[in-house]
Protein backbone atom coordinates (compact mmCIF):
# COMPACT_ATOMS: atom_id res chain seq x y z
CA MET A 1 101.90 110.25 87.89
CA THR A 2 102.90 107.89 85.23
CA ARG A 3 101.85 104.43 85.76
CA GLY A 4 101.75 102.26 83.11
CA LEU A 5 101.48 97.95 82.21
CA ALA A 6 104.62 97.28 84.36
CA TYR A 7 103.69 99.80 87.82
CA TYR A 8 100.33 97.78 87.38
CA LEU A 9 101.65 94.23 87.28
CA ARG A 10 104.39 94.65 90.06
CA VAL A 11 103.91 97.33 92.30
CA SER A 12 102.59 95.90 95.41
CA TYR A 13 98.99 97.31 97.06
CA ARG A 14 100.86 98.53 99.80
CA ARG A 15 103.19 100.95 97.41
CA LYS A 16 100.42 101.99 95.31
CA ARG A 17 98.48 102.99 98.42
CA VAL A 18 101.76 104.95 99.80
CA ASP A 19 101.96 106.82 96.35
CA ALA A 20 98.00 107.72 96.19
CA ASP A 21 97.99 109.39 99.76
CA LEU A 22 101.48 111.03 98.91
CA GLU A 23 100.01 112.59 95.69
CA ALA A 24 96.81 113.18 97.92
CA LEU A 25 99.21 115.37 100.30
CA ASP A 26 100.96 116.93 97.43
CA PRO A 27 99.88 120.52 97.87
CA GLY A 28 101.08 120.47 101.43
CA PHE A 29 104.74 119.63 100.39
CA GLU A 30 105.51 123.41 100.14
CA GLY A 31 109.00 125.18 101.23
CA ARG A 32 112.04 123.77 102.27
CA VAL A 33 111.13 119.57 102.42
CA LEU A 34 113.63 116.96 104.38
CA ASP A 35 113.01 113.43 102.10
CA VAL A 36 114.48 111.27 104.68
CA GLY A 37 115.03 107.48 103.00
CA GLY A 38 113.99 109.05 99.66
CA GLY A 39 117.15 108.17 97.85
CA ARG A 40 115.67 104.95 95.95
CA ARG A 41 112.22 106.44 94.74
CA ARG A 42 110.38 102.77 94.61
CA GLY A 43 107.02 104.17 93.72
CA VAL A 44 105.73 106.91 91.08
CA PHE A 45 106.00 110.07 93.68
CA ARG A 46 107.84 112.98 92.59
CA PRO A 47 108.07 116.03 94.48
CA PRO A 48 105.88 118.73 93.43
CA ALA A 49 107.96 121.54 91.22
CA GLY A 50 107.57 124.38 93.91
CA ALA A 51 109.15 122.86 97.10
CA ARG A 52 112.83 122.92 97.88
CA TRP A 53 113.24 119.03 98.06
CA ILE A 54 116.36 117.79 100.11
CA VAL A 55 116.82 113.75 99.61
CA ALA A 56 118.41 112.30 102.80
CA ASP A 57 119.75 108.73 102.92
CA LEU A 58 122.03 106.21 104.36
CA ASP A 59 122.17 104.35 101.37
CA LEU A 60 124.19 106.10 98.91
CA SER A 61 123.32 104.16 95.63
CA GLY A 62 120.41 106.50 94.87
CA GLY A 63 122.32 109.67 94.73
CA PRO A 64 120.72 111.49 98.01
CA ASP A 65 121.64 114.64 98.56
CA VAL A 66 123.41 114.06 101.87
CA ALA A 67 124.02 111.23 103.72
CA VAL A 68 122.42 111.07 107.17
CA ASP A 69 120.66 108.31 109.64
CA ILE A 70 117.45 110.09 110.87
CA GLN A 71 118.34 109.51 114.46
CA ALA A 72 121.02 111.84 114.43
CA LEU A 73 119.89 114.41 111.51
CA PRO A 74 122.94 116.44 110.78
CA PHE A 75 120.80 120.09 110.55
CA HIS A 76 120.28 123.02 112.56
CA GLU A 77 116.98 123.43 114.46
CA ALA A 78 113.73 124.59 112.65
CA VAL A 79 114.81 124.41 109.33
CA PHE A 80 112.53 122.48 107.45
CA ASP A 81 108.94 123.08 106.83
CA THR A 82 107.78 119.04 106.06
CA VAL A 83 109.87 116.13 106.97
CA LYS A 84 108.82 113.21 104.77
CA ALA A 85 109.20 109.67 106.16
CA THR A 86 107.76 107.11 103.99
CA GLU A 87 108.34 103.32 105.09
CA VAL A 88 111.36 104.51 106.87
CA LEU A 89 110.62 104.23 111.05
CA GLU A 90 110.52 100.53 110.68
CA HIS A 91 113.81 100.12 110.13
CA VAL A 92 115.04 102.30 112.79
CA PRO A 93 116.36 100.64 115.68
CA ASP A 94 115.14 103.76 118.02
CA ALA A 95 112.09 105.54 116.33
CA ALA A 96 111.67 107.55 119.36
CA ARG A 97 114.59 109.18 118.94
CA ALA A 98 114.04 108.93 115.23
CA LEU A 99 110.89 111.25 115.97
CA ALA A 100 112.54 113.47 118.33
CA GLU A 101 114.97 114.37 115.49
CA CYS A 102 112.34 114.91 113.10
CA ARG A 103 110.85 117.01 115.26
CA ARG A 104 113.83 119.47 116.41
CA VAL A 105 114.62 119.96 112.64
CA LEU A 106 111.05 121.30 111.55
CA ARG A 107 110.11 124.30 112.33
CA PRO A 108 107.18 125.71 114.21
CA GLY A 109 104.11 124.68 112.79
CA GLY A 110 105.82 122.04 110.58
CA ARG A 111 104.64 118.87 109.94
CA LEU A 112 106.19 114.91 109.33
CA VAL A 113 104.67 112.79 106.63
CA ALA A 114 105.31 109.40 107.31
CA THR A 115 103.87 105.93 106.34
CA VAL A 116 104.85 102.85 108.52
CA PRO A 117 103.55 98.66 107.54
CA PHE A 118 101.99 96.90 109.87
CA LEU A 119 100.51 93.76 108.16
CA GLU A 120 103.41 93.35 105.67
CA ARG A 121 106.19 90.85 105.20
CA LEU A 122 109.29 91.70 106.85
CA HIS A 123 112.31 92.94 104.35
CA ALA A 124 115.66 94.08 106.03
CA ASP A 125 116.63 97.73 104.34
CA PRO A 126 119.04 97.03 106.10
CA GLU A 127 117.26 95.39 108.92
CA ASP A 128 113.67 95.23 109.92
CA TYR A 129 112.89 96.04 113.55
CA ALA A 130 109.02 96.63 114.33
CA ARG A 131 105.46 96.71 113.73
CA PHE A 132 103.64 99.74 115.75
CA THR A 133 99.70 99.77 116.40
CA ARG A 134 98.05 103.20 116.00
CA SER A 135 98.17 102.97 120.07
CA MET A 136 101.97 102.83 119.92
CA TRP A 137 102.28 105.75 117.10
CA GLU A 138 100.45 108.13 119.20
CA ARG A 139 102.16 107.59 122.08
CA CYS A 140 105.63 107.62 120.72
CA LEU A 141 104.73 110.73 118.64
CA GLY A 142 103.01 112.28 122.13
CA GLU A 143 106.28 111.45 123.76
CA ALA A 144 108.59 113.14 121.08
CA GLY A 145 106.67 116.24 121.04
CA LEU A 146 104.77 116.07 117.93
CA THR A 147 100.65 116.17 117.75
CA PRO A 148 98.92 113.78 115.43
CA LEU A 149 96.76 115.02 113.03
CA THR A 150 96.12 111.47 111.07
CA ILE A 151 96.62 108.06 112.00
CA ALA A 152 94.97 106.66 108.92
CA PRO A 153 94.89 102.83 108.29
CA GLN A 154 96.25 101.92 105.09
CA GLY A 155 94.33 98.72 103.72
CA GLY A 156 92.98 95.88 105.77
CA TYR A 157 91.96 92.21 105.32
CA PHE A 158 90.95 91.80 101.93
CA THR A 159 93.93 94.22 100.55
CA HIS A 160 96.20 91.87 102.47
CA LEU A 161 94.63 89.00 101.35
CA ALA A 162 94.83 89.86 97.57
CA GLY A 163 98.33 90.92 98.08
CA LEU A 164 99.39 87.66 99.72
CA LEU A 165 97.77 86.15 96.36
CA ARG A 166 99.48 88.68 94.23
CA PHE A 167 102.68 87.85 95.75
CA LEU A 168 102.70 84.05 94.74
CA VAL A 169 101.67 84.95 91.50
CA LEU A 170 104.95 87.14 91.25
CA ARG A 171 106.82 84.99 92.74
CA ALA A 172 105.78 81.81 90.50
CA PRO A 173 107.98 80.45 87.54
CA ARG A 174 107.62 82.31 84.50
CA PRO A 175 104.86 79.89 82.77
CA LEU A 176 102.53 79.92 85.71
CA ARG A 177 102.85 83.56 86.40
CA TRP A 178 101.36 84.54 82.84
CA PRO A 179 98.59 83.07 83.26
CA GLY A 180 98.38 84.37 87.05
CA TYR A 181 98.39 88.11 85.74
CA LEU A 182 94.78 87.24 84.78
CA THR A 183 93.68 86.64 88.27
CA PHE A 184 94.89 90.73 89.05
CA PRO A 185 91.84 92.46 88.24
CA LEU A 186 89.68 89.83 90.63
CA LEU A 187 92.42 90.62 93.19
CA ASP A 188 91.63 94.39 92.85
CA LEU A 189 88.28 93.59 93.29
CA LEU A 190 89.06 91.64 96.20
CA ALA A 191 91.33 94.39 97.79
CA ARG A 192 88.21 96.73 97.11
CA LEU A 193 86.34 95.32 99.75
CA ASP A 194 88.07 96.70 102.77
CA GLY A 195 86.26 100.18 101.39
CA SER A 196 82.81 99.11 101.87
CA ALA A 197 80.77 100.05 105.09
CA ARG A 198 79.87 96.65 106.27
CA VAL A 199 83.52 95.82 106.08
CA GLN A 200 84.42 98.64 107.98
CA ARG A 201 81.51 98.23 110.36
CA SER A 202 82.68 94.59 110.80
CA ALA A 203 85.36 92.66 113.10
CA LEU A 204 87.63 92.56 109.62
CA ALA A 205 87.90 96.35 110.17
CA SER A 206 90.79 95.06 112.61
CA PHE A 207 93.12 94.14 110.44
CA VAL A 208 95.34 97.27 109.04
CA GLY A 209 97.88 97.13 106.43
CA GLY A 210 99.65 99.83 107.48
CA TYR A 211 99.51 103.65 108.45
CA LEU A 212 99.88 106.78 107.10
CA ILE A 213 100.81 109.32 109.91
CA VAL A 214 100.59 113.21 109.96
CA ALA A 215 101.73 114.85 112.62
CA GLY A 216 102.31 118.57 113.55
CA LYS A 217 105.15 120.74 115.67
CA PRO A 218 103.38 122.97 118.09
CA SER A 219 103.55 126.18 116.76
CA THR A 220 104.48 128.11 120.33
CA VAL A 221 105.94 126.31 123.16
CA GLN A 222 103.72 125.10 125.65
CA PRO A 223 104.36 126.25 129.53
CA THR A 224 105.12 123.96 132.12
CA VAL A 225 103.08 124.01 134.75
CA ALA A 226 104.80 123.91 138.16
CA ARG A 227 103.29 121.59 140.47
CA THR A 228 103.37 122.46 144.52
CA PRO A 229 104.68 119.57 146.47
CA ARG A 230 102.72 117.78 148.64
């Protein structure tokens, strides 16, 4: 990934964490990958060279391969090895239907990779509908027929606090913004406190910035167990 001064100064902690998590998952993006909502590439993550990457988005400004709504994907069943939906599901009025569509187009054994915010500001794209907890995502995935493999928190109390202060600097008038940049290394140190064992053992760990979700489509159809009527 190419990261320069502009990336450091302008890109939020949230987006940087999404980039880092996708980079860690990079070796798993193989075969046919459907990137839903990937038309506008806001971070620095780029598709790995070996994957057959199909970009799908409602917004045509980023030049996607196909215009789609994640709630009604125009593809046959079981045609993708991975569906990627980063920072998308909060903008969908029916997340359950979207997850069911992701499962439908995944091959058996395929996986969904998604990121979703929680302690983040509302941002219309074009609308912003929901913030779900880990428990709710587990329920939604299960009802869609997907098996949660990872629902990992992204950021916490101190990352969110540092992000709020950073946001003030970035929205300040230009004469105030330049000295505000000098505080960014201190804010970086503040955000790193979320990774300490002491914070993880405290009530502060209940503050979650968002989640990385990796879920799998079962390799085989689970048999339906018939119940004897009482």
